[in-house]
Protein backbone atom coordinates (compact mmCIF):
# COMPACT_ATOMS: atom_id res chain seq x y z
CA MET A 1 -15.74 -25.06 -25.93
CA THR A 2 -14.53 -21.45 -25.86
CA VAL A 3 -15.92 -19.47 -22.95
CA ARG A 4 -17.04 -15.94 -23.84
CA ALA A 5 -17.06 -13.75 -20.74
CA LEU A 6 -17.97 -10.11 -20.20
CA LEU A 7 -15.67 -8.52 -17.61
CA VAL A 8 -17.28 -5.46 -15.99
CA PRO A 9 -14.79 -3.59 -13.76
CA GLU A 10 -15.27 -0.16 -12.24
CA ALA A 11 -12.28 1.12 -14.25
CA PHE A 12 -9.95 -0.09 -16.98
CA LEU A 13 -6.63 1.09 -18.33
CA PRO A 14 -5.64 3.81 -19.08
CA SER A 15 -7.73 4.94 -16.10
CA PRO A 16 -5.53 4.91 -12.97
CA GLY A 17 -6.02 2.85 -9.86
CA GLY A 18 -5.96 -0.69 -8.58
CA ILE A 19 -9.18 -1.96 -10.18
CA ALA A 20 -8.04 -0.88 -13.65
CA VAL A 21 -4.74 -2.72 -13.18
CA SER A 22 -6.47 -5.82 -11.80
CA ALA A 23 -8.94 -5.89 -14.69
CA ALA A 24 -6.15 -5.67 -17.28
CA ARG A 25 -4.16 -8.41 -15.54
CA ILE A 26 -7.15 -10.75 -15.19
CA MET A 27 -8.24 -10.17 -18.78
CA GLU A 28 -4.76 -10.82 -20.18
CA HIS A 29 -4.19 -14.06 -18.31
CA LEU A 30 -7.69 -15.41 -18.86
CA CYS A 31 -7.20 -14.82 -22.58
CA GLN A 32 -3.92 -16.73 -22.37
CA ALA A 33 -5.86 -19.57 -20.72
CA GLY A 34 -8.23 -19.70 -23.71
CA VAL A 35 -11.14 -17.57 -22.49
CA GLU A 36 -12.58 -14.99 -24.89
CA VAL A 37 -12.85 -11.99 -22.56
CA TRP A 38 -14.56 -8.75 -23.49
CA VAL A 39 -13.96 -5.94 -21.01
CA VAL A 40 -16.08 -2.84 -20.36
CA ASP A 41 -14.20 0.46 -20.01
CA PHE A 42 -16.29 3.02 -18.11
CA ASP A 43 -14.46 6.09 -19.35
CA GLY A 44 -14.63 8.77 -16.66
CA ARG A 45 -11.72 10.72 -18.11
CA ALA A 46 -13.93 12.74 -20.47
CA GLU A 47 -16.27 15.43 -19.18
CA PHE A 48 -19.52 13.77 -18.12
CA GLY A 49 -22.62 14.47 -20.20
CA PRO A 50 -26.04 12.93 -20.81
CA ALA A 51 -25.22 11.54 -24.29
CA ILE A 52 -23.81 8.11 -23.37
CA SER A 53 -22.21 5.90 -26.01
CA VAL A 54 -21.80 2.13 -25.51
CA ALA A 55 -20.00 0.43 -28.37
CA VAL A 56 -17.09 -1.85 -29.26
CA ASP A 57 -13.91 0.23 -29.28
CA PRO A 58 -12.33 -0.11 -32.74
CA THR A 59 -8.91 0.95 -31.40
CA ARG A 60 -8.56 -1.75 -28.72
CA GLU A 61 -8.97 -5.49 -28.76
CA ARG A 62 -12.14 -6.87 -27.14
CA THR A 63 -13.00 -3.62 -25.37
CA ILE A 64 -16.45 -2.07 -25.06
CA LEU A 65 -16.20 1.66 -24.39
CA VAL A 66 -18.81 3.42 -22.25
CA THR A 67 -18.30 7.16 -22.53
CA PRO A 68 -18.58 9.71 -21.05
CA PHE A 69 -19.20 8.04 -17.68
CA PHE A 70 -19.38 9.92 -14.38
CA ASN A 71 -16.26 10.17 -12.22
CA ASN A 72 -16.85 10.47 -8.47
CA ASP A 73 -13.43 12.05 -7.91
CA ARG A 74 -14.33 15.17 -9.87
CA PRO A 75 -15.13 18.28 -7.81
CA VAL A 76 -18.61 18.62 -9.36
CA ARG A 77 -20.84 15.89 -7.96
CA VAL A 78 -23.36 14.16 -10.21
CA PRO A 79 -26.84 13.82 -8.60
CA GLU A 80 -27.78 10.27 -7.63
CA ARG A 81 -30.91 10.42 -9.79
CA VAL A 82 -28.78 11.21 -12.84
CA LYS A 83 -26.37 8.36 -11.98
CA ALA A 84 -29.30 5.94 -11.74
CA ASP A 85 -30.57 7.04 -15.19
CA VAL A 86 -27.07 6.57 -16.64
CA ARG A 87 -26.70 3.08 -15.16
CA ARG A 88 -30.08 2.08 -16.60
CA GLU A 89 -29.21 3.40 -20.06
CA VAL A 90 -25.79 1.76 -20.04
CA ALA A 91 -27.27 -1.58 -18.94
CA LEU A 92 -29.80 -1.52 -21.79
CA ARG A 93 -27.19 -0.74 -24.42
CA LEU A 94 -24.61 -3.10 -22.98
CA THR A 95 -27.16 -5.92 -23.02
CA SER A 96 -27.59 -5.43 -26.76
CA VAL A 97 -23.83 -5.43 -27.39
CA ALA A 98 -23.29 -8.50 -25.19
CA ARG A 99 -26.05 -10.38 -27.01
CA SER A 100 -24.45 -9.63 -30.39
CA LEU A 101 -21.07 -10.93 -29.13
CA GLY A 102 -22.52 -14.22 -27.85
CA ILE A 103 -21.49 -13.58 -24.24
CA GLN A 104 -22.05 -16.60 -21.98
CA LEU A 105 -21.12 -15.25 -18.55
CA VAL A 106 -20.94 -11.85 -16.85
CA HIS A 107 -18.20 -11.11 -14.31
CA SER A 108 -18.32 -7.81 -12.41
CA MET A 109 -15.42 -6.70 -10.23
CA THR A 110 -17.12 -4.34 -7.77
CA VAL A 111 -20.45 -4.38 -6.00
CA PHE A 112 -21.60 -0.88 -6.83
CA ASN A 113 -21.67 0.76 -10.30
CA ALA A 114 -20.19 -2.20 -12.16
CA GLY A 115 -22.16 -4.68 -10.07
CA ILE A 116 -25.50 -2.94 -10.62
CA ILE A 117 -25.00 -2.72 -14.39
CA ALA A 118 -23.71 -6.30 -14.64
CA THR A 119 -26.68 -7.59 -12.64
CA CYS A 120 -29.09 -5.97 -15.08
CA VAL A 121 -27.22 -7.30 -18.14
CA ALA A 122 -26.98 -10.85 -16.81
CA SER A 123 -30.64 -10.85 -15.80
CA ALA A 124 -31.79 -9.56 -19.18
CA LEU A 125 -29.78 -12.22 -21.03
CA GLY A 126 -30.44 -15.04 -18.56
CA LEU A 127 -26.70 -15.54 -17.96
CA PRO A 128 -24.76 -16.46 -14.82
CA HIS A 129 -23.29 -13.46 -13.01
CA LEU A 130 -20.10 -13.71 -10.97
CA ALA A 131 -20.06 -10.71 -8.63
CA GLY A 132 -16.62 -9.63 -7.44
CA VAL A 133 -16.05 -7.90 -4.12
CA ARG A 134 -13.00 -5.62 -4.06
CA GLY A 135 -14.10 -3.27 -1.32
CA PHE A 136 -17.46 -2.02 -0.14
CA GLY A 137 -16.64 1.66 -0.47
CA ARG A 138 -16.07 4.09 2.38
CA HIS A 139 -19.50 3.67 3.93
CA PRO A 140 -20.63 0.05 3.41
CA PHE A 141 -23.52 0.31 5.85
CA ASP A 142 -25.10 3.63 4.87
CA GLY A 143 -28.66 3.35 3.65
CA PHE A 144 -28.54 3.78 -0.12
CA ARG A 145 -25.17 2.14 -0.81
CA ALA A 146 -25.83 -0.78 1.53
CA GLU A 147 -29.16 -1.49 -0.14
CA CYS A 148 -27.56 -1.46 -3.61
CA VAL A 149 -24.78 -3.80 -2.45
CA ARG A 150 -27.32 -6.19 -0.93
CA TRP A 151 -29.37 -6.10 -4.15
CA VAL A 152 -26.34 -7.05 -6.26
CA LEU A 153 -25.05 -9.79 -3.96
CA GLU A 154 -28.41 -11.50 -3.49
CA ARG A 155 -28.98 -11.71 -7.26
CA ALA A 156 -25.50 -12.94 -8.17
CA THR A 157 -25.06 -16.54 -9.29
CA ALA A 158 -21.78 -16.64 -7.35
CA VAL A 159 -19.61 -14.22 -5.38
CA VAL A 160 -15.83 -13.94 -5.33
CA VAL A 161 -13.74 -11.86 -2.92
CA ALA A 162 -10.20 -10.63 -3.51
CA ASN A 163 -8.75 -11.30 -0.05
CA ARG A 164 -9.47 -12.81 3.34
CA SER A 165 -10.06 -9.44 5.00
CA LEU A 166 -12.93 -8.75 2.62
CA PHE A 167 -14.28 -12.24 3.21
CA GLU A 168 -14.38 -11.56 6.94
CA LEU A 169 -16.22 -8.28 6.37
CA LEU A 170 -18.63 -9.98 3.97
CA SER A 171 -19.28 -12.64 6.63
CA VAL A 172 -20.41 -9.93 9.04
CA ALA A 173 -22.39 -7.79 6.59
CA HIS A 174 -23.92 -10.59 4.47
CA PRO A 175 -23.40 -13.96 6.22
CA THR A 176 -25.68 -15.93 3.89
CA VAL A 177 -23.82 -14.69 0.81
CA ALA A 178 -20.44 -15.31 2.43
CA GLY A 179 -21.34 -18.95 3.02
CA GLY A 180 -21.07 -19.65 -0.71
CA ALA A 181 -18.38 -17.12 -1.63
CA THR A 182 -14.99 -18.00 -3.12
CA CYS A 183 -11.74 -16.22 -2.25
CA ILE A 184 -9.38 -15.68 -5.20
CA PRO A 185 -6.43 -13.55 -4.05
CA ASP A 186 -4.92 -10.80 -6.15
CA SER A 187 -1.73 -11.54 -8.03
CA VAL A 188 1.12 -9.51 -9.48
CA VAL A 189 2.94 -9.75 -12.81
CA ALA A 190 6.68 -10.42 -12.53
CA ARG A 191 8.89 -7.86 -14.25
CA PRO A 192 12.63 -7.83 -14.92
CA TYR A 193 14.49 -6.77 -11.79
CA PRO A 194 16.10 -4.38 -11.27
CA GLY A 195 14.01 -2.28 -13.60
CA LEU A 196 15.88 1.01 -13.21
CA ALA A 197 18.95 1.08 -15.42
CA GLY A 198 22.03 3.14 -14.74
CA GLY A 199 21.17 6.36 -12.95
CA GLY A 200 17.41 5.84 -13.13
CA ARG A 201 16.97 5.77 -9.37
CA ALA A 202 18.94 8.98 -8.88
CA ALA A 203 17.09 10.65 -11.76
CA ILE A 204 13.69 9.92 -10.21
CA ARG A 205 14.83 11.25 -6.86
CA GLY A 206 16.26 14.35 -8.50
CA GLU A 207 13.01 15.02 -10.34
CA LEU A 208 11.20 14.84 -7.00
CA GLY A 209 13.72 17.17 -5.34
CA PHE A 210 15.08 14.38 -3.11
CA SER A 211 18.84 13.99 -2.65
CA SER A 212 20.61 10.63 -3.06
CA ASP A 213 21.00 10.15 0.71
CA THR A 214 17.33 10.87 1.47
CA VAL A 215 15.28 7.95 2.78
CA MET A 216 12.34 8.02 0.39
CA ILE A 217 9.02 6.78 1.81
CA THR A 218 6.25 6.25 -0.74
CA LEU A 219 2.49 6.06 -0.28
CA ALA A 220 0.68 5.03 -3.47
CA ALA A 221 -3.09 5.27 -3.16
CA ASN A 222 -6.10 7.34 -4.11
CA LEU A 223 -6.67 9.09 -0.81
CA ARG A 224 -10.16 9.52 0.60
CA GLU A 225 -9.46 8.86 4.28
CA LYS A 226 -8.89 12.11 6.20
CA PRO A 227 -7.67 10.34 9.35
CA LEU A 228 -5.16 8.22 7.40
CA LEU A 229 -3.44 11.07 5.60
CA GLY A 230 -3.39 13.41 8.59
CA SER A 231 -2.00 10.65 10.80
CA LEU A 232 0.73 9.81 8.29
CA LEU A 233 1.82 13.45 8.02
CA ARG A 234 2.06 13.70 11.81
CA VAL A 235 4.14 10.51 11.83
CA LEU A 236 6.47 12.00 9.21
CA ALA A 237 6.89 15.18 11.27
CA SER A 238 7.78 13.08 14.33
CA LEU A 239 10.64 11.16 12.67
CA PRO A 240 14.22 11.98 13.75
CA GLY A 241 16.15 14.51 11.69
CA SER A 242 18.80 11.96 10.77
CA PRO A 243 18.65 10.24 8.39
CA VAL A 244 16.59 12.70 6.35
CA THR A 245 13.19 11.26 5.39
CA ARG A 246 10.89 12.45 2.64
CA LEU A 247 7.41 11.32 1.62
CA LEU A 248 6.18 10.77 -1.95
CA VAL A 249 2.40 10.53 -2.30
CA VAL A 250 1.41 8.93 -5.61
CA GLY A 251 -2.28 9.15 -6.44
CA ARG A 252 -5.26 11.44 -6.30
CA VAL A 253 -6.00 13.29 -3.08
CA HIS A 254 -9.80 13.40 -3.01
CA PRO A 255 -11.26 16.94 -3.16
CA GLY A 256 -12.85 16.45 0.25
CA VAL A 257 -9.42 15.69 1.74
CA ARG A 258 -7.18 18.11 -0.15
CA ASP A 259 -7.85 21.26 1.89
CA GLN A 260 -7.05 19.48 5.15
CA PHE A 261 -3.99 17.87 3.52
CA ASP A 262 -2.60 21.27 2.49
CA GLU A 263 -3.38 22.75 5.90
CA ASP A 264 -1.61 19.89 7.70
CA ILE A 265 1.50 20.23 5.52
CA GLY A 266 1.74 23.93 6.30
CA ARG A 267 1.03 23.55 10.01
CA LEU A 268 3.57 20.74 10.42
CA GLY A 269 6.25 22.47 8.34
CA LEU A 270 6.44 19.65 5.79
CA ALA A 271 6.34 21.60 2.53
CA HIS A 272 9.94 20.63 1.71
CA ARG A 273 9.50 17.00 2.82
CA VAL A 274 6.40 15.94 0.85
CA ALA A 275 6.06 15.48 -2.93
CA LEU A 276 2.64 14.84 -4.47
CA ARG A 277 2.32 13.22 -7.89
CA ASP A 278 -0.81 12.11 -9.69
CA TRP A 279 -1.00 8.69 -11.33
CA ILE A 280 0.47 8.76 -14.82
CA SER A 281 1.21 5.27 -16.12
CA GLN A 282 1.60 1.90 -14.47
CA ASP A 283 5.22 1.71 -15.66
CA ALA A 284 6.02 5.05 -14.03
CA VAL A 285 4.40 4.01 -10.77
CA MET A 286 6.49 0.83 -10.74
CA HIS A 287 9.64 2.92 -11.29
CA TRP A 288 8.69 5.22 -8.42
CA LEU A 289 8.10 2.23 -6.17
CA GLU A 290 11.50 0.79 -7.06
CA ALA A 291 13.20 4.13 -6.44
CA SER A 292 11.74 4.15 -2.92
CA ASP A 293 13.44 2.90 0.23
CA ILE A 294 10.21 2.16 2.09
CA VAL A 295 6.64 1.77 0.83
CA VAL A 296 4.00 2.57 3.42
CA MET A 297 0.35 1.44 3.37
CA PRO A 298 -1.33 2.38 6.67
CA SER A 299 -4.88 1.86 5.43
CA MET A 300 -7.68 1.52 7.96
CA GLU A 301 -10.05 0.07 5.37
CA TYR A 302 -10.51 -3.42 4.02
CA GLY A 303 -9.48 -3.54 0.40
CA THR A 304 -7.27 -5.06 -2.21
CA THR A 305 -3.51 -5.21 -2.11
CA ASN A 306 -2.28 -4.31 -5.60
CA VAL A 307 0.21 -1.66 -4.52
CA VAL A 308 1.50 -3.77 -1.66
CA LEU A 309 2.05 -6.71 -4.01
CA GLU A 310 3.66 -4.47 -6.63
CA ALA A 311 6.01 -2.97 -4.05
CA MET A 312 6.95 -6.46 -2.85
CA GLU A 313 7.60 -7.52 -6.44
CA ARG A 314 9.97 -4.54 -6.73
CA ALA A 315 11.81 -5.88 -3.62
CA ARG A 316 10.75 -2.94 -1.50
CA CYS A 317 10.43 -2.96 2.27
CA VAL A 318 6.70 -2.49 2.95
CA VAL A 319 5.35 -1.11 6.21
CA ALA A 320 1.60 -1.72 6.32
CA SER A 321 -1.32 -1.84 8.71
CA ASP A 322 -2.50 -5.21 9.94
CA VAL A 323 -5.24 -5.13 7.28
CA PHE A 324 -2.57 -6.69 5.04
CA ALA A 325 -1.64 -9.60 7.30
CA GLU A 326 -2.73 -12.00 4.55
CA VAL A 327 0.31 -11.16 2.43
CA ILE A 328 2.83 -9.69 4.88
CA ARG A 329 4.57 -11.89 7.41
CA HIS A 330 5.67 -9.49 10.12
CA ASP A 331 9.41 -8.95 10.30
CA ILE A 332 9.98 -11.48 7.51
CA ASN A 333 8.75 -10.09 4.18
CA GLY A 334 7.42 -6.79 5.53
CA ILE A 335 6.46 -4.94 8.68
CA LEU A 336 2.93 -4.90 10.14
CA VAL A 337 1.66 -2.26 12.54
CA ASP A 338 -1.63 -1.81 14.36
CA ARG A 339 -3.87 0.26 12.09
CA LEU A 340 -5.05 2.30 15.09
CA ASP A 341 -1.59 3.02 16.54
CA PRO A 342 0.28 5.86 14.77
CA SER A 343 3.11 5.60 17.29
CA ALA A 344 3.80 2.04 16.13
CA LEU A 345 4.03 3.27 12.54
CA ALA A 346 6.41 6.02 13.60
CA ARG A 347 8.66 3.58 15.44
CA ALA A 348 8.75 1.19 12.49
CA LEU A 349 9.62 3.93 9.99
CA ALA A 350 12.30 5.42 12.25
CA THR A 351 13.93 2.03 12.80
CA LEU A 352 13.95 1.12 9.11
CA ALA A 353 15.07 4.58 7.97
CA ALA A 354 18.24 4.09 10.02
CA ASN A 355 18.91 0.51 8.86
CA VAL A 356 19.49 0.07 5.13
CA GLU A 357 20.61 -3.54 5.52
CA ARG A 358 17.34 -4.48 7.21
CA ARG A 359 15.33 -2.71 4.50
CA ASN A 360 17.16 -4.64 1.80
CA GLN A 361 16.78 -7.95 3.63
CA VAL A 362 13.03 -7.51 4.05
CA GLY A 363 12.63 -6.32 0.46
CA SER A 364 14.49 -9.32 -0.93
CA ALA A 365 12.32 -11.69 1.10
CA ALA A 366 9.21 -9.88 -0.13
CA ARG A 367 10.12 -10.38 -3.79
CA THR A 368 10.92 -14.07 -3.25
CA TRP A 369 7.57 -14.66 -1.52
CA VAL A 370 5.37 -12.78 -3.94
CA LEU A 371 6.87 -14.41 -7.04
CA ALA A 372 6.36 -17.86 -5.50
CA GLU A 373 2.87 -17.31 -4.09
CA ARG A 374 1.07 -14.65 -6.13
CA GLY A 375 1.67 -15.34 -9.81
CA PRO A 376 -1.15 -14.36 -12.21
CA THR A 377 -1.45 -17.83 -13.75
CA ARG A 378 -2.74 -19.21 -10.47
CA GLU A 379 -5.30 -16.38 -10.24
CA ALA A 380 -6.47 -16.88 -13.84
CA ASN A 381 -6.82 -20.66 -13.42
CA ALA A 382 -8.95 -20.12 -10.31
CA TYR A 383 -11.28 -17.81 -12.26
CA LEU A 384 -11.38 -20.24 -15.18
CA THR A 385 -12.39 -23.09 -12.87
CA LEU A 386 -15.16 -20.93 -11.40
CA TYR A 387 -16.36 -19.88 -14.88
CA GLN A 388 -16.60 -23.50 -15.99
CA ARG A 389 -18.50 -24.49 -12.87
CA LEU A 390 -21.03 -21.70 -13.35
CA LEU A 391 -21.59 -22.57 -17.02
CA GLU A 392 -21.97 -26.29 -16.28
CA SER A 393 -24.54 -25.61 -13.57
């Protein structure tokens, strides 16, 4: 029997960010495993307005386009009452579309917008709902958000988390739910390596204004954490003058963080040492990762590990906070530092910047590990097994 599943992520390609990439990967490999997956694209790229359309996208295979959806990273904030009205309208229309497609199971990938809408759709159709946890947001215990998260989790047929760190947090915040949750780790798609032909590495560095002998440190993330970014800039300013180190920030700096970011760069004299680039395409991000000498991920939050896995797949030396201990074996396939100790991060970056052989050794071990342990077929088979169990029960 063919399983027809509705995948409800928070974002889908071409929207940038980890959830969009994860949704595309999971959809592709579930389809290869024989599942008929329809994915919902909440299109926040267009200017938000009250006239919401929910319909099958004729230009993409098995995609339901919801547009224009609100985007929380835009400077103009949408009132919560308006968001609630939009979620309700989308859920009603999506229920009708899902019914016409013969959907048998609903799988959401986050516990907020996507989770709320998916809960309503599954309830209306009497279908099992697999609720995915890929982060609780910046304030998991504030009143409104925490209540919405609890509402989604308690109504889900089953819950899946993307890594052990999130499982531990779920165990504290919602112990009853965690007791029946399943952990299915993120994976990464293997690409030909090396992926930069000829002078591609030098060309990327030249476009960024970095010379060939610069040690290029890359942070790829959508930045909402003021302490994280400020701490990283202070670490960069503290590094020795030789070898020369530069920082590439790939992603969106949240409007609430940008003013402080610009102020810190000016105060620390880093204008010539920091390059900021928005997300463009997944291929470009992978090229930028490969052109890097070190990829840094000093997150203080619990979350998914897409960029870390992608950097490892590109054989990069990753320096990350201990949040990522599930995938990084310290001093073997990466370097772990205490998330609350900027001096440890500074020492690690200084040591690696001066030792190209060590960087290459760690990067090679990272690629070997991630290809052996985090292939997408394993992830897709785990989801398929869970789908079948939910449908049989």
